[in-house]
Amino acid sequence: LSGGQQQRVAIARALAMEPQVMLFDEPTSALDPELREEVLRVMRQLAEEGLTMIVVTHEMQFARDIADRILFFDDGLVVESGPPDRIFSNPQHERTREFLSKVATR
């Protein structure tokens, strides 16, 4: 199976247990762009269906689009948290601003 197929199978297996919350740790990090989009599409659908998800990601546009709340971590600590619009449009912490300026195009 390809990386994207493996991710989808893992998601399907997890959903079979009817979880209240799903955790994702960089689910697209090792995928090529086409497979990346497939996995993000599945995750968007889960969000639209109301599944609670905790997602560790560098996919900033995806996070901005689907998150109810963003937590930005640095060295294992929460540096900033809040609604996506505020975090992305008006970050309060210098470290958050620095990170977002470097990944703005992702």
Protein backbone atom coordinates (compact mmCIF):
# COMPACT_ATOMS: atom_id res chain seq x y z
CA LEU A 1 0.00 0.00 0.00
CA SER A 2 1.11 3.55 -0.66
CA GLY A 3 1.63 5.98 2.20
CA GLY A 4 -1.72 7.64 1.56
CA GLN A 5 -3.49 4.30 1.38
CA GLN A 6 -1.85 3.25 4.64
CA GLN A 7 -3.06 6.44 6.29
CA ARG A 8 -6.61 5.91 5.04
CA VAL A 9 -6.58 2.30 6.26
CA ALA A 10 -5.34 3.44 9.67
CA ILE A 11 -8.11 6.05 9.84
CA ALA A 12 -10.73 3.46 8.83
CA ARG A 13 -9.48 1.02 11.48
CA ALA A 14 -9.63 3.71 14.14
CA LEU A 15 -13.15 4.74 13.07
CA ALA A 16 -14.32 1.12 13.35
CA MET A 17 -13.91 1.49 17.12
CA GLU A 18 -16.33 4.46 17.07
CA PRO A 19 -14.01 6.83 18.93
CA GLN A 20 -15.18 10.05 20.54
CA VAL A 21 -11.82 11.66 19.72
CA MET A 22 -9.14 10.86 17.15
CA LEU A 23 -5.51 11.86 17.47
CA PHE A 24 -3.39 12.58 14.39
CA ASP A 25 0.36 13.16 14.58
CA GLU A 26 1.60 14.72 11.33
CA PRO A 27 -0.66 12.52 9.18
CA THR A 28 0.65 13.99 5.91
CA SER A 29 4.34 14.40 6.70
CA ALA A 30 5.63 11.52 4.56
CA LEU A 31 3.15 11.75 1.69
CA ASP A 32 3.51 13.04 -1.84
CA PRO A 33 1.23 15.99 -2.73
CA GLU A 34 -1.49 13.94 -4.39
CA LEU A 35 -1.83 11.49 -1.51
CA ARG A 36 -1.54 14.37 0.96
CA GLU A 37 -4.68 15.91 -0.50
CA GLU A 38 -6.55 12.61 -0.25
CA VAL A 39 -5.76 12.26 3.45
CA LEU A 40 -6.66 15.89 4.14
CA ARG A 41 -9.96 15.39 2.30
CA VAL A 42 -10.81 12.42 4.54
CA MET A 43 -9.93 14.45 7.63
CA ARG A 44 -12.03 17.41 6.44
CA GLN A 45 -14.98 15.06 5.98
CA LEU A 46 -14.53 13.73 9.52
CA ALA A 47 -14.47 17.29 10.86
CA GLU A 48 -17.63 18.15 8.92
CA GLU A 49 -19.30 15.08 10.43
CA GLY A 50 -18.50 16.46 13.87
CA LEU A 51 -15.71 14.12 14.96
CA THR A 52 -13.45 15.68 17.57
CA MET A 53 -9.85 15.55 16.37
CA ILE A 54 -6.57 16.57 17.93
CA VAL A 55 -4.15 17.13 15.06
CA VAL A 56 -0.43 17.84 15.22
CA THR A 57 0.36 19.37 11.84
CA HIS A 58 2.40 21.82 9.82
CA GLU A 59 -0.48 22.04 7.31
CA MET A 60 -1.36 25.61 8.27
CA GLN A 61 -4.16 26.21 5.77
CA PHE A 62 -5.79 22.93 6.73
CA ALA A 63 -5.55 23.81 10.43
CA ARG A 64 -6.96 27.26 9.78
CA ASP A 65 -9.86 25.83 7.77
CA ILE A 66 -11.03 23.05 10.10
CA ALA A 67 -9.89 23.93 13.62
CA ASP A 68 -12.12 25.37 16.31
CA ARG A 69 -9.05 26.10 18.39
CA ILE A 70 -5.33 26.30 17.64
CA LEU A 71 -2.59 25.58 20.15
CA PHE A 72 0.93 26.59 19.17
CA PHE A 73 3.66 24.65 20.97
CA ASP A 74 7.33 25.52 21.29
CA ASP A 75 9.77 23.26 23.14
CA GLY A 76 6.88 21.19 24.47
CA LEU A 77 4.99 24.12 25.97
CA VAL A 78 1.82 25.85 24.81
CA VAL A 79 2.98 29.31 23.77
CA GLU A 80 -0.34 30.53 22.42
CA SER A 81 -3.88 29.27 21.97
CA GLY A 82 -7.07 30.65 20.56
CA PRO A 83 -9.44 30.66 17.60
CA PRO A 84 -7.80 30.16 14.20
CA ASP A 85 -8.65 33.63 12.90
CA ARG A 86 -6.88 35.33 15.80
CA ILE A 87 -3.87 33.02 15.83
CA PHE A 88 -3.27 33.39 12.10
CA SER A 89 -4.28 37.05 11.70
CA ASN A 90 -3.06 38.54 14.96
CA PRO A 91 -0.73 36.22 16.89
CA GLN A 92 0.11 37.63 20.30
CA HIS A 93 3.39 35.82 20.95
CA GLU A 94 6.60 36.62 19.09
CA ARG A 95 7.45 32.92 18.63
CA THR A 96 4.07 32.31 16.97
CA ARG A 97 4.59 35.26 14.63
CA GLU A 98 8.08 34.02 13.75
CA PHE A 99 6.86 30.50 12.96
CA LEU A 100 3.89 31.65 10.89
CA SER A 101 6.05 34.02 8.85
CA LYS A 102 8.25 31.06 7.88
CA VAL A 103 5.43 28.71 6.91
CA ALA A 104 2.94 31.21 5.49
CA THR A 105 3.01 29.62 2.04
CA ARG A 106 2.37 26.02 3.18
